């Protein structure tokens, strides 16, 4: 069993690869939307990281170890190898 979204994506890709112009258009439309959502999420994470780092610099004595761990985990979610074409 797979999620419905995955099944729909597979069928869309199969139709697009077979030459269906509507499927191709729909595929690129979905791809573009997901790229924008992904980039926006990455930018939001970067914004939170920058704010957290600034808080660490300004008030190092007031920042808890839990905050530092959360910031470290958030840094790990940043995709350092993603370059949209």
C-alpha atoms as a PDB file:
ATOM      1  CA  UNK A   1       0.000   0.000   0.000  1.00  0.00           C
ATOM      2  CA  UNK A   2       1.213   3.493  -0.864  1.00  0.00           C
ATOM      3  CA  UNK A   3      -0.259   6.920  -0.161  1.00  0.00           C
ATOM      4  CA  UNK A   4      -2.791   8.146  -2.723  1.00  0.00           C
ATOM      5  CA  UNK A   5      -0.598  11.135  -3.609  1.00  0.00           C
ATOM      6  CA  UNK A   6       2.251   8.808  -4.540  1.00  0.00           C
ATOM      7  CA  UNK A   7      -0.051   6.675  -6.682  1.00  0.00           C
ATOM      8  CA  UNK A   8      -1.392   9.765  -8.469  1.00  0.00           C
ATOM      9  CA  UNK A   9       2.147  11.046  -9.047  1.00  0.00           C
ATOM     10  CA  UNK A  10       3.238   7.695 -10.495  1.00  0.00           C
ATOM     11  CA  UNK A  11       0.301   7.607 -12.894  1.00  0.00           C
ATOM     12  CA  UNK A  12       0.901  11.207 -13.920  1.00  0.00           C
ATOM     13  CA  UNK A  13       4.564  10.515 -14.607  1.00  0.00           C
ATOM     14  CA  UNK A  14       3.739   7.391 -16.630  1.00  0.00           C
ATOM     15  CA  UNK A  15       1.287   9.374 -18.780  1.00  0.00           C
ATOM     16  CA  UNK A  16       3.718  12.268 -19.193  1.00  0.00           C
ATOM     17  CA  UNK A  17       6.535   9.932 -20.234  1.00  0.00           C
ATOM     18  CA  UNK A  18       4.239   8.258 -22.756  1.00  0.00           C
ATOM     19  CA  UNK A  19       3.761  11.645 -24.444  1.00  0.00           C
ATOM     20  CA  UNK A  20       0.427  12.886 -23.083  1.00  0.00           C
ATOM     21  CA  UNK A  21       0.710  16.700 -23.362  1.00  0.00           C
ATOM     22  CA  UNK A  22      -1.900  17.370 -20.653  1.00  0.00           C
ATOM     23  CA  UNK A  23      -0.066  15.058 -18.260  1.00  0.00           C
ATOM     24  CA  UNK A  24       3.217  16.811 -19.073  1.00  0.00           C
ATOM     25  CA  UNK A  25       1.708  20.213 -18.367  1.00  0.00           C
ATOM     26  CA  UNK A  26       0.160  18.975 -15.122  1.00  0.00           C
ATOM     27  CA  UNK A  27       3.446  17.363 -14.076  1.00  0.00           C
ATOM     28  CA  UNK A  28       5.427  20.569 -14.579  1.00  0.00           C
ATOM     29  CA  UNK A  29       2.758  22.596 -12.834  1.00  0.00           C
ATOM     30  CA  UNK A  30       2.894  20.277  -9.786  1.00  0.00           C
ATOM     31  CA  UNK A  31       6.700  20.205  -9.865  1.00  0.00           C
ATOM     32  CA  UNK A  32       6.884  23.992  -9.905  1.00  0.00           C
ATOM     33  CA  UNK A  33       4.418  24.259  -7.022  1.00  0.00           C
ATOM     34  CA  UNK A  34       6.347  21.756  -4.905  1.00  0.00           C
ATOM     35  CA  UNK A  35       9.653  23.515  -5.656  1.00  0.00           C
ATOM     36  CA  UNK A  36       8.208  26.842  -4.508  1.00  0.00           C
ATOM     37  CA  UNK A  37       6.834  25.252  -1.336  1.00  0.00           C
ATOM     38  CA  UNK A  38      10.170  23.551  -0.642  1.00  0.00           C
ATOM     39  CA  UNK A  39      12.184  26.728  -1.169  1.00  0.00           C
ATOM     40  CA  UNK A  40       9.796  28.736   1.011  1.00  0.00           C
ATOM     41  CA  UNK A  41      10.153  26.169   3.807  1.00  0.00           C
ATOM     42  CA  UNK A  42      13.946  26.256   3.524  1.00  0.00           C
ATOM     43  CA  UNK A  43      13.906  30.069   3.653  1.00  0.00           C
ATOM     44  CA  UNK A  44      11.645  30.053   6.701  1.00  0.00           C
ATOM     45  CA  UNK A  45      13.971  27.609   8.464  1.00  0.00           C
ATOM     46  CA  UNK A  46      16.938  29.834   7.625  1.00  0.00           C
ATOM     47  CA  UNK A  47      15.105  32.866   9.013  1.00  0.00           C
ATOM     48  CA  UNK A  48      14.438  31.053  12.295  1.00  0.00           C
ATOM     49  CA  UNK A  49      18.068  29.910  12.467  1.00  0.00           C
ATOM     50  CA  UNK A  50      19.369  33.436  11.920  1.00  0.00           C
ATOM     51  CA  UNK A  51      17.037  34.779  14.624  1.00  0.00           C
ATOM     52  CA  UNK A  52      18.134  32.009  16.992  1.00  0.00           C
ATOM     53  CA  UNK A  53      21.816  32.663  16.341  1.00  0.00           C
ATOM     54  CA  UNK A  54      21.257  36.371  16.958  1.00  0.00           C
ATOM     55  CA  UNK A  55      19.541  35.572  20.259  1.00  0.00           C
ATOM     56  CA  UNK A  56      22.509  33.373  21.209  1.00  0.00           C
ATOM     57  CA  UNK A  57      24.908  36.248  20.496  1.00  0.00           C
ATOM     58  CA  UNK A  58      22.865  38.865  22.329  1.00  0.00           C
ATOM     59  CA  UNK A  59      21.839  36.873  25.404  1.00  0.00           C
ATOM     60  CA  UNK A  60      24.155  33.860  25.780  1.00  0.00           C
ATOM     61  CA  UNK A  61      23.436  33.536  29.498  1.00  0.00           C
ATOM     62  CA  UNK A  62      19.649  33.388  28.959  1.00  0.00           C
ATOM     63  CA  UNK A  63      19.640  30.680  26.280  1.00  0.00           C
ATOM     64  CA  UNK A  64      18.921  27.166  27.511  1.00  0.00           C
ATOM     65  CA  UNK A  65      20.618  23.984  26.367  1.00  0.00           C
ATOM     66  CA  UNK A  66      17.239  22.841  25.036  1.00  0.00           C
ATOM     67  CA  UNK A  67      17.084  25.919  22.782  1.00  0.00           C
ATOM     68  CA  UNK A  68      20.613  25.201  21.540  1.00  0.00           C
ATOM     69  CA  UNK A  69      19.674  21.580  20.771  1.00  0.00           C
ATOM     70  CA  UNK A  70      16.514  22.678  18.934  1.00  0.00           C
ATOM     71  CA  UNK A  71      18.523  25.174  16.899  1.00  0.00           C
ATOM     72  CA  UNK A  72      21.076  22.487  16.076  1.00  0.00           C
ATOM     73  CA  UNK A  73      18.332  20.110  14.913  1.00  0.00           C
ATOM     74  CA  UNK A  74      16.811  22.838  12.753  1.00  0.00           C
ATOM     75  CA  UNK A  75      20.191  23.481  11.138  1.00  0.00           C
ATOM     76  CA  UNK A  76      20.340  19.805  10.187  1.00  0.00           C
ATOM     77  CA  UNK A  77      17.094  20.147   8.196  1.00  0.00           C
ATOM     78  CA  UNK A  78      18.636  22.665   5.799  1.00  0.00           C
ATOM     79  CA  UNK A  79      19.333  21.039   2.440  1.00  0.00           C
ATOM     80  CA  UNK A  80      22.855  22.205   1.611  1.00  0.00           C
ATOM     81  CA  UNK A  81      22.833  20.495  -1.784  1.00  0.00           C
ATOM     82  CA  UNK A  82      19.592  21.855  -3.235  1.00  0.00           C
ATOM     83  CA  UNK A  83      19.924  24.158  -6.213  1.00  0.00           C
ATOM     84  CA  UNK A  84      16.698  24.758  -8.153  1.00  0.00           C
ATOM     85  CA  UNK A  85      17.192  24.942 -11.884  1.00  0.00           C
END
